[in-house]
Amino acid sequence: MLAEERLAVILETVQQKRSVKVSELCNLLNASVSTVRRDISTLAEMGKLTKVHGGAIALSENFAAVEKDMEEKAHLFLKEKQAVAQYAASLLEDGDFVFLDAGTTTENMIGFLPKKDICFVTNGLFHAKKLAQRGFRVYIPGGEIKCSTEAIVGAECACTVARYHFTKSFLGTNGVSVSAGFSTHDVNEAQIKSAAIENSIQAFLLTDHSKFDQITSVTFAQLSQAQIITDRLPDAKYRSFTTVKEVL
């Protein structure tokens, strides 16, 4: 196959699937890994797609390589996060056993929580303190502390979370994408999020509009596995994959 033909096939595949791995393209083109990587680089330089580790994604979905720390995140889209958090808090009922993910949007939920008989498990250090101060029963799983996000992460934490059975879980995400689902920067945090979602009757992803069409390093759930609560939905296509609640 000529180089021009390979480039056309790669571009068409990426546009159809929104993301594709190098290994998939090698099989499709019957070409070597080095050849496919070189072709992806060529298309990226031409501005036709975005090159990412292990493959390529369509231009409409951006790859975010760097994660902001908690202090930076806390000041972004504050009004939107508070509106999302307030609605999410209103969903809690007496007797709920809840996983509350570390993160700035989930932290905003705490101030809006109703005074009901609710028990929490959280991997957010500051979250746990605020929940306890409000009089809720709260459990913290063991594991490694990640300073940049003030989260407890790691295999030990994931194993603990996987043993629980939650009525509801509320989680944050760094990216929301049709091709990559819900994603985060850290594989250790992804393990915790996946475990919580898989062991919840209802799972809610809290996000502002800026996270849509964004992909980060690790997928922790597909769109169909959780409902989305957001300030506004930039693209109606997401309603084909899951329930979306807009609060502004």
C-alpha atoms as a PDB file:
ATOM      1  CA  MET A   1       0.000   0.000   0.000  1.00  0.00           C
ATOM      2  CA  LEU A   2       1.342   3.412  -0.960  1.00  0.00           C
ATOM      3  CA  ALA A   3       2.067   5.988   1.752  1.00  0.00           C
ATOM      4  CA  GLU A   4      -0.744   8.257   0.522  1.00  0.00           C
ATOM      5  CA  GLU A   5      -3.209   5.370   0.736  1.00  0.00           C
ATOM      6  CA  ARG A   6      -2.105   4.527   4.294  1.00  0.00           C
ATOM      7  CA  LEU A   7      -2.559   8.129   5.375  1.00  0.00           C
ATOM      8  CA  ALA A   8      -6.063   8.224   3.901  1.00  0.00           C
ATOM      9  CA  VAL A   9      -7.069   4.988   5.646  1.00  0.00           C
ATOM     10  CA  ILE A  10      -5.656   6.149   8.996  1.00  0.00           C
ATOM     11  CA  LEU A  11      -7.439   9.486   8.786  1.00  0.00           C
ATOM     12  CA  GLU A  12     -10.745   7.904   7.797  1.00  0.00           C
ATOM     13  CA  THR A  13     -10.473   5.373  10.644  1.00  0.00           C
ATOM     14  CA  VAL A  14      -9.745   8.047  13.221  1.00  0.00           C
ATOM     15  CA  GLN A  15     -12.626  10.208  12.015  1.00  0.00           C
ATOM     16  CA  GLN A  16     -15.038   7.252  12.219  1.00  0.00           C
ATOM     17  CA  LYS A  17     -13.895   5.787  15.555  1.00  0.00           C
ATOM     18  CA  ARG A  18     -12.741   9.089  17.137  1.00  0.00           C
ATOM     19  CA  SER A  19      -9.705   7.275  18.578  1.00  0.00           C
ATOM     20  CA  VAL A  20      -7.553   4.388  17.384  1.00  0.00           C
ATOM     21  CA  LYS A  21      -4.578   2.421  18.677  1.00  0.00           C
ATOM     22  CA  VAL A  22      -1.356   1.820  16.772  1.00  0.00           C
ATOM     23  CA  SER A  23      -1.904  -1.939  17.041  1.00  0.00           C
ATOM     24  CA  GLU A  24      -5.339  -1.630  15.374  1.00  0.00           C
ATOM     25  CA  LEU A  25      -3.871   0.319  12.472  1.00  0.00           C
ATOM     26  CA  CYS A  26      -1.023  -2.182  12.073  1.00  0.00           C
ATOM     27  CA  ASN A  27      -3.555  -4.966  11.605  1.00  0.00           C
ATOM     28  CA  LEU A  28      -5.748  -2.879   9.318  1.00  0.00           C
ATOM     29  CA  LEU A  29      -2.882  -1.752   7.085  1.00  0.00           C
ATOM     30  CA  ASN A  30      -0.679  -4.840   7.436  1.00  0.00           C
ATOM     31  CA  ALA A  31       2.113  -2.422   8.296  1.00  0.00           C
ATOM     32  CA  SER A  32       4.822  -2.290  10.944  1.00  0.00           C
ATOM     33  CA  VAL A  33       4.546  -0.328  14.193  1.00  0.00           C
ATOM     34  CA  SER A  34       7.286   2.064  13.075  1.00  0.00           C
ATOM     35  CA  THR A  35       5.510   2.746   9.771  1.00  0.00           C
ATOM     36  CA  VAL A  36       2.161   3.443  11.442  1.00  0.00           C
ATOM     37  CA  ARG A  37       3.756   5.713  14.050  1.00  0.00           C
ATOM     38  CA  ARG A  38       5.532   7.639  11.303  1.00  0.00           C
ATOM     39  CA  ASP A  39       2.266   8.015   9.378  1.00  0.00           C
ATOM     40  CA  ILE A  40       0.452   9.244  12.504  1.00  0.00           C
ATOM     41  CA  SER A  41       3.224  11.792  13.082  1.00  0.00           C
ATOM     42  CA  THR A  42       2.893  12.972   9.492  1.00  0.00           C
ATOM     43  CA  LEU A  43      -0.875  13.466   9.830  1.00  0.00           C
ATOM     44  CA  ALA A  44      -0.405  15.250  13.166  1.00  0.00           C
ATOM     45  CA  GLU A  45       2.103  17.639  11.592  1.00  0.00           C
ATOM     46  CA  MET A  46      -0.433  18.295   8.832  1.00  0.00           C
ATOM     47  CA  GLY A  47      -3.022  19.196  11.485  1.00  0.00           C
ATOM     48  CA  LYS A  48      -5.321  16.305  10.517  1.00  0.00           C
ATOM     49  CA  LEU A  49      -5.418  14.518  13.886  1.00  0.00           C
ATOM     50  CA  THR A  50      -3.917  14.537  17.373  1.00  0.00           C
ATOM     51  CA  LYS A  51      -1.107  12.117  18.170  1.00  0.00           C
ATOM     52  CA  VAL A  52      -1.296  10.531  21.636  1.00  0.00           C
ATOM     53  CA  HIS A  53       0.645   7.813  23.409  1.00  0.00           C
ATOM     54  CA  GLY A  54      -0.173   4.524  21.687  1.00  0.00           C
ATOM     55  CA  GLY A  55      -2.363   5.921  18.943  1.00  0.00           C
ATOM     56  CA  ALA A  56      -4.292   8.934  17.642  1.00  0.00           C
ATOM     57  CA  ILE A  57      -7.527  10.801  18.315  1.00  0.00           C
ATOM     58  CA  ALA A  58      -9.777  13.007  16.204  1.00  0.00           C
ATOM     59  CA  LEU A  59      -9.251  16.754  16.394  1.00  0.00           C
ATOM     60  CA  SER A  60     -12.639  17.357  18.020  1.00  0.00           C
ATOM     61  CA  GLU A  61     -11.404  15.462  21.080  1.00  0.00           C
ATOM     62  CA  ASN A  62      -8.429  17.028  22.790  1.00  0.00           C
ATOM     63  CA  PHE A  63      -5.833  15.137  24.781  1.00  0.00           C
ATOM     64  CA  ALA A  64      -5.016  16.863  28.082  1.00  0.00           C
ATOM     65  CA  ALA A  65      -1.590  15.707  29.244  1.00  0.00           C
ATOM     66  CA  VAL A  66      -1.118  17.774  32.406  1.00  0.00           C
ATOM     67  CA  GLU A  67      -3.303  17.707  35.510  1.00  0.00           C
ATOM     68  CA  LYS A  68      -3.835  20.874  37.543  1.00  0.00           C
ATOM     69  CA  ASP A  69      -3.464  20.668  41.313  1.00  0.00           C
ATOM     70  CA  MET A  70      -6.343  21.155  43.751  1.00  0.00           C
ATOM     71  CA  GLU A  71      -5.592  24.839  44.369  1.00  0.00           C
ATOM     72  CA  GLU A  72      -5.695  25.629  40.652  1.00  0.00           C
ATOM     73  CA  LYS A  73      -8.856  23.584  40.067  1.00  0.00           C
ATOM     74  CA  ALA A  74     -10.682  25.162  42.997  1.00  0.00           C
ATOM     75  CA  HIS A  75     -10.837  28.542  41.238  1.00  0.00           C
ATOM     76  CA  LEU A  76     -12.004  27.279  37.848  1.00  0.00           C
ATOM     77  CA  PHE A  77     -15.729  27.430  36.946  1.00  0.00           C
ATOM     78  CA  LEU A  78     -16.655  27.959  40.587  1.00  0.00           C
ATOM     79  CA  LYS A  79     -20.271  28.996  39.929  1.00  0.00           C
ATOM     80  CA  GLU A  80     -20.797  26.031  37.626  1.00  0.00           C
ATOM     81  CA  LYS A  81     -19.270  23.561  40.090  1.00  0.00           C
ATOM     82  CA  GLN A  82     -21.431  24.842  42.925  1.00  0.00           C
ATOM     83  CA  ALA A  83     -24.604  24.487  40.847  1.00  0.00           C
ATOM     84  CA  VAL A  84     -23.652  20.932  39.889  1.00  0.00           C
ATOM     85  CA  ALA A  85     -22.753  20.105  43.503  1.00  0.00           C
ATOM     86  CA  GLN A  86     -26.000  21.523  44.876  1.00  0.00           C
ATOM     87  CA  TYR A  87     -28.103  19.427  42.524  1.00  0.00           C
ATOM     88  CA  ALA A  88     -26.047  16.303  43.253  1.00  0.00           C
ATOM     89  CA  ALA A  89     -26.469  16.795  47.012  1.00  0.00           C
ATOM     90  CA  SER A  90     -30.246  17.004  46.574  1.00  0.00           C
ATOM     91  CA  LEU A  91     -30.270  13.395  45.314  1.00  0.00           C
ATOM     92  CA  LEU A  92     -29.236  11.950  48.675  1.00  0.00           C
ATOM     93  CA  GLU A  93     -31.767  10.207  50.895  1.00  0.00           C
ATOM     94  CA  ASP A  94     -31.994   8.677  54.341  1.00  0.00           C
ATOM     95  CA  GLY A  95     -30.146   5.363  54.484  1.00  0.00           C
ATOM     96  CA  ASP A  96     -27.826   6.062  51.558  1.00  0.00           C
ATOM     97  CA  PHE A  97     -24.357   4.512  51.679  1.00  0.00           C
ATOM     98  CA  VAL A  98     -22.293   6.807  49.469  1.00  0.00           C
ATOM     99  CA  PHE A  99     -18.877   6.910  47.849  1.00  0.00           C
ATOM    100  CA  LEU A 100     -17.684  10.516  47.527  1.00  0.00           C
ATOM    101  CA  ASP A 101     -14.705  10.889  45.233  1.00  0.00           C
ATOM    102  CA  ALA A 102     -11.802  13.241  45.914  1.00  0.00           C
ATOM    103  CA  GLY A 103     -11.973  16.441  43.848  1.00  0.00           C
ATOM    104  CA  THR A 104     -13.137  20.034  43.891  1.00  0.00           C
ATOM    105  CA  THR A 105     -16.680  19.534  42.558  1.00  0.00           C
ATOM    106  CA  THR A 106     -17.444  16.683  44.949  1.00  0.00           C
ATOM    107  CA  GLU A 107     -16.008  18.771  47.786  1.00  0.00           C
ATOM    108  CA  ASN A 108     -18.537  21.483  46.964  1.00  0.00           C
ATOM    109  CA  MET A 109     -21.325  18.962  47.582  1.00  0.00           C
ATOM    110  CA  ILE A 110     -20.562  18.801  51.304  1.00  0.00           C
ATOM    111  CA  GLY A 111     -21.905  22.253  52.103  1.00  0.00           C
ATOM    112  CA  PHE A 112     -25.216  21.413  50.411  1.00  0.00           C
ATOM    113  CA  LEU A 113     -25.766  17.985  51.990  1.00  0.00           C
ATOM    114  CA  PRO A 114     -29.150  17.512  53.694  1.00  0.00           C
ATOM    115  CA  LYS A 115     -29.206  16.612  57.384  1.00  0.00           C
ATOM    116  CA  LYS A 116     -30.145  12.987  56.849  1.00  0.00           C
ATOM    117  CA  ASP A 117     -28.951   9.558  57.940  1.00  0.00           C
ATOM    118  CA  ILE A 118     -26.237   9.105  55.315  1.00  0.00           C
ATOM    119  CA  CYS A 119     -22.955   7.199  55.613  1.00  0.00           C
ATOM    120  CA  PHE A 120     -19.963   8.123  53.453  1.00  0.00           C
ATOM    121  CA  VAL A 121     -16.812   6.470  52.184  1.00  0.00           C
ATOM    122  CA  THR A 122     -14.349   8.924  50.667  1.00  0.00           C
ATOM    123  CA  ASN A 123     -10.773   8.885  49.444  1.00  0.00           C
ATOM    124  CA  GLY A 124     -10.586  12.673  49.811  1.00  0.00           C
ATOM    125  CA  LEU A 125      -8.693  13.676  52.953  1.00  0.00           C
ATOM    126  CA  PHE A 126     -10.242  17.132  53.225  1.00  0.00           C
ATOM    127  CA  HIS A 127     -13.640  15.698  52.290  1.00  0.00           C
ATOM    128  CA  ALA A 128     -13.500  13.273  55.218  1.00  0.00           C
ATOM    129  CA  LYS A 129     -12.741  16.043  57.689  1.00  0.00           C
ATOM    130  CA  LYS A 130     -15.555  18.277  56.417  1.00  0.00           C
ATOM    131  CA  LEU A 131     -18.054  15.408  56.425  1.00  0.00           C
ATOM    132  CA  ALA A 132     -17.155  14.486  60.000  1.00  0.00           C
ATOM    133  CA  GLN A 133     -17.450  18.123  61.095  1.00  0.00           C
ATOM    134  CA  ARG A 134     -20.974  18.164  59.676  1.00  0.00           C
ATOM    135  CA  GLY A 135     -21.844  15.144  61.806  1.00  0.00           C
ATOM    136  CA  PHE A 136     -21.904  12.411  59.163  1.00  0.00           C
ATOM    137  CA  ARG A 137     -20.475   8.946  59.688  1.00  0.00           C
ATOM    138  CA  VAL A 138     -17.481   8.655  57.357  1.00  0.00           C
ATOM    139  CA  TYR A 139     -14.924   5.990  56.480  1.00  0.00           C
ATOM    140  CA  ILE A 140     -11.512   6.458  54.846  1.00  0.00           C
ATOM    141  CA  PRO A 141      -9.875   3.597  52.918  1.00  0.00           C
ATOM    142  CA  GLY A 142      -6.178   2.939  53.392  1.00  0.00           C
ATOM    143  CA  GLY A 143      -3.576   3.593  50.723  1.00  0.00           C
ATOM    144  CA  GLU A 144      -1.070   6.090  49.382  1.00  0.00           C
ATOM    145  CA  ILE A 145      -1.631   9.846  49.698  1.00  0.00           C
ATOM    146  CA  LYS A 146      -1.374  11.832  46.463  1.00  0.00           C
ATOM    147  CA  CYS A 147      -0.511  15.371  47.526  1.00  0.00           C
ATOM    148  CA  SER A 148      -1.497  17.176  44.312  1.00  0.00           C
ATOM    149  CA  THR A 149      -5.126  16.062  44.574  1.00  0.00           C
ATOM    150  CA  GLU A 150      -5.270  15.365  48.338  1.00  0.00           C
ATOM    151  CA  ALA A 151      -6.541  11.879  47.491  1.00  0.00           C
ATOM    152  CA  ILE A 152      -5.900   8.411  48.885  1.00  0.00           C
ATOM    153  CA  VAL A 153      -4.986   6.138  45.964  1.00  0.00           C
ATOM    154  CA  GLY A 154      -3.341   2.804  45.187  1.00  0.00           C
ATOM    155  CA  ALA A 155      -4.155  -0.897  45.123  1.00  0.00           C
ATOM    156  CA  GLU A 156      -4.975  -1.086  48.827  1.00  0.00           C
ATOM    157  CA  CYS A 157      -7.510   1.713  48.500  1.00  0.00           C
ATOM    158  CA  ALA A 158      -9.073   0.131  45.396  1.00  0.00           C
ATOM    159  CA  CYS A 159      -9.399  -3.247  47.130  1.00  0.00           C
ATOM    160  CA  THR A 160     -11.138  -1.645  50.098  1.00  0.00           C
ATOM    161  CA  VAL A 161     -13.577   0.314  47.925  1.00  0.00           C
ATOM    162  CA  ALA A 162     -14.340  -2.828  45.904  1.00  0.00           C
ATOM    163  CA  ARG A 163     -15.598  -4.580  49.041  1.00  0.00           C
ATOM    164  CA  TYR A 164     -18.341  -2.015  49.641  1.00  0.00           C
ATOM    165  CA  HIS A 165     -21.801  -1.900  48.061  1.00  0.00           C
ATOM    166  CA  PHE A 166     -22.863   1.712  47.546  1.00  0.00           C
ATOM    167  CA  THR A 167     -26.359   2.993  46.909  1.00  0.00           C
ATOM    168  CA  LYS A 168     -24.857   6.013  45.142  1.00  0.00           C
ATOM    169  CA  SER A 169     -21.425   7.243  44.124  1.00  0.00           C
ATOM    170  CA  PHE A 170     -20.446  10.773  43.119  1.00  0.00           C
ATOM    171  CA  LEU A 171     -17.242  11.173  41.160  1.00  0.00           C
ATOM    172  CA  GLY A 172     -15.236  13.751  39.292  1.00  0.00           C
ATOM    173  CA  THR A 173     -13.562  13.303  35.927  1.00  0.00           C
ATOM    174  CA  ASN A 174     -10.821  15.028  33.945  1.00  0.00           C
ATOM    175  CA  GLY A 175     -12.245  14.081  30.581  1.00  0.00           C
ATOM    176  CA  VAL A 176     -15.565  13.100  28.994  1.00  0.00           C
ATOM    177  CA  SER A 177     -15.408  11.653  25.500  1.00  0.00           C
ATOM    178  CA  VAL A 178     -17.516   9.475  23.231  1.00  0.00           C
ATOM    179  CA  SER A 179     -14.455   7.460  22.221  1.00  0.00           C
ATOM    180  CA  ALA A 180     -12.678   7.225  25.582  1.00  0.00           C
ATOM    181  CA  GLY A 181     -15.547   7.519  28.066  1.00  0.00           C
ATOM    182  CA  PHE A 182     -14.668   9.040  31.447  1.00  0.00           C
ATOM    183  CA  SER A 183     -10.938   9.459  31.964  1.00  0.00           C
ATOM    184  CA  THR A 184      -8.411  10.719  34.469  1.00  0.00           C
ATOM    185  CA  HIS A 185      -4.673  11.438  34.518  1.00  0.00           C
ATOM    186  CA  ASP A 186      -3.626   8.914  37.152  1.00  0.00           C
ATOM    187  CA  VAL A 187      -3.929   5.114  36.814  1.00  0.00           C
ATOM    188  CA  ASN A 188      -4.100   4.793  40.606  1.00  0.00           C
ATOM    189  CA  GLU A 189      -7.033   7.193  40.852  1.00  0.00           C
ATOM    190  CA  ALA A 190      -8.686   5.420  37.923  1.00  0.00           C
ATOM    191  CA  GLN A 191      -8.665   2.168  39.901  1.00  0.00           C
ATOM    192  CA  ILE A 192     -10.569   3.786  42.762  1.00  0.00           C
ATOM    193  CA  LYS A 193     -13.136   5.388  40.486  1.00  0.00           C
ATOM    194  CA  SER A 194     -13.709   2.150  38.557  1.00  0.00           C
ATOM    195  CA  ALA A 195     -14.179   0.161  41.767  1.00  0.00           C
ATOM    196  CA  ALA A 196     -16.705   2.669  43.119  1.00  0.00           C
ATOM    197  CA  ILE A 197     -18.756   2.755  39.916  1.00  0.00           C
ATOM    198  CA  GLU A 198     -18.819  -1.019  39.547  1.00  0.00           C
ATOM    199  CA  ASN A 199     -20.091  -1.386  43.115  1.00  0.00           C
ATOM    200  CA  SER A 200     -22.781   1.331  43.025  1.00  0.00           C
ATOM    201  CA  ILE A 201     -26.470   1.016  42.301  1.00  0.00           C
ATOM    202  CA  GLN A 202     -26.330   4.539  40.844  1.00  0.00           C
ATOM    203  CA  ALA A 203     -23.192   6.380  39.753  1.00  0.00           C
ATOM    204  CA  PHE A 204     -23.057  10.101  38.988  1.00  0.00           C
ATOM    205  CA  LEU A 205     -20.244  11.933  37.219  1.00  0.00           C
ATOM    206  CA  LEU A 206     -20.021  15.597  38.201  1.00  0.00           C
ATOM    207  CA  THR A 207     -18.388  17.833  35.632  1.00  0.00           C
ATOM    208  CA  ASP A 208     -18.492  21.322  34.190  1.00  0.00           C
ATOM    209  CA  HIS A 209     -18.834  21.859  30.437  1.00  0.00           C
ATOM    210  CA  SER A 210     -15.073  22.267  29.856  1.00  0.00           C
ATOM    211  CA  LYS A 211     -14.401  18.533  30.357  1.00  0.00           C
ATOM    212  CA  PHE A 212     -16.439  17.394  27.347  1.00  0.00           C
ATOM    213  CA  ASP A 213     -14.555  16.196  24.251  1.00  0.00           C
ATOM    214  CA  GLN A 214     -11.469  15.891  26.441  1.00  0.00           C
ATOM    215  CA  ILE A 215      -9.363  12.749  26.835  1.00  0.00           C
ATOM    216  CA  THR A 216      -6.811  12.134  29.578  1.00  0.00           C
ATOM    217  CA  SER A 217      -4.452   9.235  30.195  1.00  0.00           C
ATOM    218  CA  VAL A 218      -6.678   6.513  31.674  1.00  0.00           C
ATOM    219  CA  THR A 219     -10.306   5.532  31.025  1.00  0.00           C
ATOM    220  CA  PHE A 220     -12.046   4.493  34.241  1.00  0.00           C
ATOM    221  CA  ALA A 221     -15.599   3.969  32.929  1.00  0.00           C
ATOM    222  CA  GLN A 222     -17.657   4.047  29.764  1.00  0.00           C
ATOM    223  CA  LEU A 223     -20.337   6.712  29.353  1.00  0.00           C
ATOM    224  CA  SER A 224     -23.127   4.171  29.811  1.00  0.00           C
ATOM    225  CA  GLN A 225     -21.886   3.265  33.312  1.00  0.00           C
ATOM    226  CA  ALA A 226     -22.778   6.575  34.977  1.00  0.00           C
ATOM    227  CA  GLN A 227     -25.167   9.491  34.737  1.00  0.00           C
ATOM    228  CA  ILE A 228     -23.718  12.936  34.057  1.00  0.00           C
ATOM    229  CA  ILE A 229     -24.537  16.074  36.046  1.00  0.00           C
ATOM    230  CA  THR A 230     -23.181  19.217  34.393  1.00  0.00           C
ATOM    231  CA  ASP A 231     -23.816  22.947  34.185  1.00  0.00           C
ATOM    232  CA  ARG A 232     -24.518  22.738  30.448  1.00  0.00           C
ATOM    233  CA  LEU A 233     -24.014  20.161  27.725  1.00  0.00           C
ATOM    234  CA  PRO A 234     -21.895  21.459  24.805  1.00  0.00           C
ATOM    235  CA  ASP A 235     -22.963  18.674  22.431  1.00  0.00           C
ATOM    236  CA  ALA A 236     -26.263  16.763  22.432  1.00  0.00           C
ATOM    237  CA  LYS A 237     -24.522  13.613  21.114  1.00  0.00           C
ATOM    238  CA  TYR A 238     -23.779  12.599  24.717  1.00  0.00           C
ATOM    239  CA  ARG A 239     -27.472  12.018  25.393  1.00  0.00           C
ATOM    240  CA  SER A 240     -27.276   8.996  23.093  1.00  0.00           C
ATOM    241  CA  PHE A 241     -24.933   7.271  25.529  1.00  0.00           C
ATOM    242  CA  THR A 242     -26.196   8.146  29.014  1.00  0.00           C
ATOM    243  CA  THR A 243     -28.569  10.309  31.056  1.00  0.00           C
ATOM    244  CA  VAL A 244     -27.422  13.923  31.292  1.00  0.00           C
ATOM    245  CA  LYS A 245     -28.772  16.507  33.726  1.00  0.00           C
ATOM    246  CA  GLU A 246     -28.028  20.191  33.014  1.00  0.00           C
ATOM    247  CA  VAL A 247     -28.369  22.469  36.041  1.00  0.00           C
ATOM    248  CA  LEU A 248     -27.801  25.944  34.543  1.00  0.00           C
END
